[in-house]
Amino acid sequence: MSWAGWLTMLAAVGGATALFAWCLWKVLSTPQATERLHGVPDTEPRDQREG
């Protein structure tokens, strides 16, 4: 493989690895993120709400 091929491959693999690491850091370092998550049991249909 030529030097341009190696450079392209290293840039692609390095970029993907850096993006993955940044996403992991962002998700794992957010304080109290689970308090803002809502699932199906936490929601109510509009026609069943009181008021």
PDB file of N, CA and C in Angstrom:
ATOM      1  N   MET A   1       0.853  -1.164   0.000  1.00  0.00           N
ATOM      2  CA  MET A   1       0.000   0.000   0.000  1.00  0.00           C
ATOM      3  C   MET A   1       0.906   1.237   0.000  1.00  0.00           C
ATOM      4  N   SER A   2       0.477   2.270  -0.673  1.00  0.00           N
ATOM      5  CA  SER A   2       1.281   3.490  -0.755  1.00  0.00           C
ATOM      6  C   SER A   2       1.131   4.319   0.521  1.00  0.00           C
ATOM      7  N   TRP A   3       1.968   5.330   0.638  1.00  0.00           N
ATOM      8  CA  TRP A   3       1.906   6.187   1.829  1.00  0.00           C
ATOM      9  C   TRP A   3       0.587   6.943   1.891  1.00  0.00           C
ATOM     10  N   ALA A   4       0.005   7.283   0.755  1.00  0.00           N
ATOM     11  CA  ALA A   4      -1.290   7.978   0.744  1.00  0.00           C
ATOM     12  C   ALA A   4      -2.407   7.055   1.253  1.00  0.00           C
ATOM     13  N   GLY A   5      -2.307   5.790   0.909  1.00  0.00           N
ATOM     14  CA  GLY A   5      -3.290   4.825   1.404  1.00  0.00           C
ATOM     15  C   GLY A   5      -3.201   4.649   2.909  1.00  0.00           C
ATOM     16  N   TRP A   6      -1.966   4.545   3.406  1.00  0.00           N
ATOM     17  CA  TRP A   6      -1.775   4.432   4.856  1.00  0.00           C
ATOM     18  C   TRP A   6      -2.287   5.677   5.573  1.00  0.00           C
ATOM     19  N   LEU A   7      -2.019   6.844   5.013  1.00  0.00           N
ATOM     20  CA  LEU A   7      -2.460   8.092   5.633  1.00  0.00           C
ATOM     21  C   LEU A   7      -3.983   8.181   5.661  1.00  0.00           C
ATOM     22  N   THR A   8      -4.611   7.798   4.570  1.00  0.00           N
ATOM     23  CA  THR A   8      -6.073   7.807   4.509  1.00  0.00           C
ATOM     24  C   THR A   8      -6.671   6.813   5.502  1.00  0.00           C
ATOM     25  N   MET A   9      -6.097   5.618   5.562  1.00  0.00           N
ATOM     26  CA  MET A   9      -6.602   4.606   6.487  1.00  0.00           C
ATOM     27  C   MET A   9      -6.430   5.053   7.939  1.00  0.00           C
ATOM     28  N   LEU A  10      -5.273   5.598   8.273  1.00  0.00           N
ATOM     29  CA  LEU A  10      -5.042   6.062   9.645  1.00  0.00           C
ATOM     30  C   LEU A  10      -5.967   7.217  10.011  1.00  0.00           C
ATOM     31  N   ALA A  11      -6.224   8.113   9.067  1.00  0.00           N
ATOM     32  CA  ALA A  11      -7.141   9.226   9.328  1.00  0.00           C
ATOM     33  C   ALA A  11      -8.564   8.716   9.560  1.00  0.00           C
ATOM     34  N   ALA A  12      -8.997   7.755   8.757  1.00  0.00           N
ATOM     35  CA  ALA A  12     -10.353   7.223   8.899  1.00  0.00           C
ATOM     36  C   ALA A  12     -10.517   6.450  10.208  1.00  0.00           C
ATOM     37  N   VAL A  13      -9.585   5.567  10.498  1.00  0.00           N
ATOM     38  CA  VAL A  13      -9.667   4.772  11.726  1.00  0.00           C
ATOM     39  C   VAL A  13      -9.497   5.667  12.948  1.00  0.00           C
ATOM     40  N   GLY A  14      -8.573   6.608  12.882  1.00  0.00           N
ATOM     41  CA  GLY A  14      -8.377   7.529  14.005  1.00  0.00           C
ATOM     42  C   GLY A  14      -9.578   8.427  14.236  1.00  0.00           C
ATOM     43  N   GLY A  15     -10.188   8.914  13.164  1.00  0.00           N
ATOM     44  CA  GLY A  15     -11.377   9.753  13.297  1.00  0.00           C
ATOM     45  C   GLY A  15     -12.556   9.002  13.886  1.00  0.00           C
ATOM     46  N   ALA A  16     -12.775   7.780  13.413  1.00  0.00           N
ATOM     47  CA  ALA A  16     -13.880   6.973  13.935  1.00  0.00           C
ATOM     48  C   ALA A  16     -13.648   6.620  15.405  1.00  0.00           C
ATOM     49  N   THR A  17     -12.412   6.304  15.758  1.00  0.00           N
ATOM     50  CA  THR A  17     -12.082   5.991  17.151  1.00  0.00           C
ATOM     51  C   THR A  17     -12.252   7.210  18.044  1.00  0.00           C
ATOM     52  N   ALA A  18     -11.827   8.368  17.567  1.00  0.00           N
ATOM     53  CA  ALA A  18     -11.981   9.600  18.341  1.00  0.00           C
ATOM     54  C   ALA A  18     -13.455   9.950  18.526  1.00  0.00           C
ATOM     55  N   LEU A  19     -14.258   9.792  17.489  1.00  0.00           N
ATOM     56  CA  LEU A  19     -15.692  10.065  17.607  1.00  0.00           C
ATOM     57  C   LEU A  19     -16.354   9.110  18.590  1.00  0.00           C
ATOM     58  N   PHE A  20     -15.995   7.839  18.538  1.00  0.00           N
ATOM     59  CA  PHE A  20     -16.543   6.858  19.463  1.00  0.00           C
ATOM     60  C   PHE A  20     -16.155   7.178  20.901  1.00  0.00           C
ATOM     61  N   ALA A  21     -14.897   7.543  21.122  1.00  0.00           N
ATOM     62  CA  ALA A  21     -14.433   7.889  22.469  1.00  0.00           C
ATOM     63  C   ALA A  21     -15.134   9.136  22.981  1.00  0.00           C
ATOM     64  N   TRP A  22     -15.322  10.124  22.107  1.00  0.00           N
ATOM     65  CA  TRP A  22     -16.009  11.356  22.522  1.00  0.00           C
ATOM     66  C   TRP A  22     -17.459  11.061  22.897  1.00  0.00           C
ATOM     67  N   CYS A  23     -18.130  10.212  22.125  1.00  0.00           N
ATOM     68  CA  CYS A  23     -19.523   9.850  22.425  1.00  0.00           C
ATOM     69  C   CYS A  23     -19.614   9.112  23.760  1.00  0.00           C
ATOM     70  N   LEU A  24     -18.710   8.178  23.999  1.00  0.00           N
ATOM     71  CA  LEU A  24     -18.706   7.475  25.278  1.00  0.00           C
ATOM     72  C   LEU A  24     -18.475   8.440  26.433  1.00  0.00           C
ATOM     73  N   TRP A  25     -17.493   9.332  26.289  1.00  0.00           N
ATOM     74  CA  TRP A  25     -17.203  10.301  27.346  1.00  0.00           C
ATOM     75  C   TRP A  25     -18.413  11.190  27.598  1.00  0.00           C
ATOM     76  N   LYS A  26     -19.077  11.639  26.545  1.00  0.00           N
ATOM     77  CA  LYS A  26     -20.230  12.534  26.682  1.00  0.00           C
ATOM     78  C   LYS A  26     -21.374  11.829  27.408  1.00  0.00           C
ATOM     79  N   VAL A  27     -21.626  10.589  27.072  1.00  0.00           N
ATOM     80  CA  VAL A  27     -22.728   9.847  27.689  1.00  0.00           C
ATOM     81  C   VAL A  27     -22.411   9.513  29.141  1.00  0.00           C
ATOM     82  N   LEU A  28     -21.190   9.077  29.414  1.00  0.00           N
ATOM     83  CA  LEU A  28     -20.855   8.623  30.765  1.00  0.00           C
ATOM     84  C   LEU A  28     -20.525   9.760  31.728  1.00  0.00           C
ATOM     85  N   SER A  29     -20.217  10.943  31.230  1.00  0.00           N
ATOM     86  CA  SER A  29     -19.835  12.034  32.124  1.00  0.00           C
ATOM     87  C   SER A  29     -20.970  13.001  32.429  1.00  0.00           C
ATOM     88  N   THR A  30     -22.137  12.813  31.843  1.00  0.00           N
ATOM     89  CA  THR A  30     -23.262  13.715  32.088  1.00  0.00           C
ATOM     90  C   THR A  30     -23.869  13.387  33.447  1.00  0.00           C
ATOM     91  N   PRO A  31     -23.864  14.363  34.380  1.00  0.00           N
ATOM     92  CA  PRO A  31     -24.411  14.090  35.704  1.00  0.00           C
ATOM     93  C   PRO A  31     -25.942  14.012  35.676  1.00  0.00           C
ATOM     94  N   GLN A  32     -26.494  13.130  36.439  1.00  0.00           N
ATOM     95  CA  GLN A  32     -27.938  12.928  36.602  1.00  0.00           C
ATOM     96  C   GLN A  32     -28.673  12.784  35.277  1.00  0.00           C
ATOM     97  N   ALA A  33     -28.054  12.151  34.303  1.00  0.00           N
ATOM     98  CA  ALA A  33     -28.697  11.977  33.004  1.00  0.00           C
ATOM     99  C   ALA A  33     -29.892  11.032  33.099  1.00  0.00           C
ATOM    100  N   THR A  34     -29.849  10.078  34.019  1.00  0.00           N
ATOM    101  CA  THR A  34     -30.943   9.118  34.107  1.00  0.00           C
ATOM    102  C   THR A  34     -32.213   9.745  34.662  1.00  0.00           C
ATOM    103  N   GLU A  35     -32.121  10.877  35.339  1.00  0.00           N
ATOM    104  CA  GLU A  35     -33.325  11.521  35.859  1.00  0.00           C
ATOM    105  C   GLU A  35     -34.139  12.169  34.745  1.00  0.00           C
ATOM    106  N   ARG A  36     -33.527  12.454  33.619  1.00  0.00           N
ATOM    107  CA  ARG A  36     -34.231  13.083  32.514  1.00  0.00           C
ATOM    108  C   ARG A  36     -34.721  12.089  31.483  1.00  0.00           C
ATOM    109  N   LEU A  37     -34.408  10.799  31.654  1.00  0.00           N
ATOM    110  CA  LEU A  37     -34.849   9.790  30.703  1.00  0.00           C
ATOM    111  C   LEU A  37     -36.278   9.364  31.025  1.00  0.00           C
ATOM    112  N   HIS A  38     -37.071   9.204  30.008  1.00  0.00           N
ATOM    113  CA  HIS A  38     -38.452   8.773  30.185  1.00  0.00           C
ATOM    114  C   HIS A  38     -38.703   7.580  29.287  1.00  0.00           C
ATOM    115  N   GLY A  39     -39.458   6.645  29.801  1.00  0.00           N
ATOM    116  CA  GLY A  39     -39.804   5.464  29.034  1.00  0.00           C
ATOM    117  C   GLY A  39     -41.305   5.375  28.863  1.00  0.00           C
ATOM    118  N   VAL A  40     -41.758   4.293  28.297  1.00  0.00           N
ATOM    119  CA  VAL A  40     -43.177   4.103  28.036  1.00  0.00           C
ATOM    120  C   VAL A  40     -43.994   4.106  29.329  1.00  0.00           C
ATOM    121  N   PRO A  41     -43.550   3.477  30.426  1.00  0.00           N
ATOM    122  CA  PRO A  41     -44.357   3.504  31.647  1.00  0.00           C
ATOM    123  C   PRO A  41     -44.469   4.905  32.267  1.00  0.00           C
ATOM    124  N   ASP A  42     -43.584   5.833  31.931  1.00  0.00           N
ATOM    125  CA  ASP A  42     -43.618   7.167  32.510  1.00  0.00           C
ATOM    126  C   ASP A  42     -44.563   8.116  31.795  1.00  0.00           C
ATOM    127  N   THR A  43     -45.086   7.745  30.639  1.00  0.00           N
ATOM    128  CA  THR A  43     -45.925   8.647  29.855  1.00  0.00           C
ATOM    129  C   THR A  43     -47.370   8.214  29.919  1.00  0.00           C
ATOM    130  N   GLU A  44     -48.250   9.171  29.727  1.00  0.00           N
ATOM    131  CA  GLU A  44     -49.668   8.895  29.715  1.00  0.00           C
ATOM    132  C   GLU A  44     -50.269   9.411  28.407  1.00  0.00           C
ATOM    133  N   PRO A  45     -51.232   8.706  27.861  1.00  0.00           N
ATOM    134  CA  PRO A  45     -51.903   9.247  26.674  1.00  0.00           C
ATOM    135  C   PRO A  45     -52.679  10.523  27.030  1.00  0.00           C
ATOM    136  N   ARG A  46     -52.838  11.415  26.071  1.00  0.00           N
ATOM    137  CA  ARG A  46     -53.493  12.709  26.326  1.00  0.00           C
ATOM    138  C   ARG A  46     -54.941  12.547  26.818  1.00  0.00           C
ATOM    139  N   ASP A  47     -55.655  11.556  26.307  1.00  0.00           N
ATOM    140  CA  ASP A  47     -57.049  11.420  26.702  1.00  0.00           C
ATOM    141  C   ASP A  47     -57.236  10.825  28.094  1.00  0.00           C
ATOM    142  N   GLN A  48     -56.199  10.330  28.739  1.00  0.00           N
ATOM    143  CA  GLN A  48     -56.312   9.776  30.085  1.00  0.00           C
ATOM    144  C   GLN A  48     -55.794  10.720  31.157  1.00  0.00           C
ATOM    145  N   ARG A  49     -55.274  11.869  30.791  1.00  0.00           N
ATOM    146  CA  ARG A  49     -54.785  12.824  31.771  1.00  0.00           C
ATOM    147  C   ARG A  49     -55.933  13.485  32.507  1.00  0.00           C
ATOM    148  N   GLU A  50     -55.677  13.821  33.738  1.00  0.00           N
ATOM    149  CA  GLU A  50     -56.689  14.526  34.512  1.00  0.00           C
ATOM    150  C   GLU A  50     -56.632  16.003  34.159  1.00  0.00           C
ATOM    151  N   GLY A  51     -57.757  16.638  34.137  1.00  0.00           N
ATOM    152  CA  GLY A  51     -57.742  18.077  33.926  1.00  0.00           C
ATOM    153  C   GLY A  51     -58.489  18.454  32.781  1.00  0.00           C
TER     154      GLY A  51
END
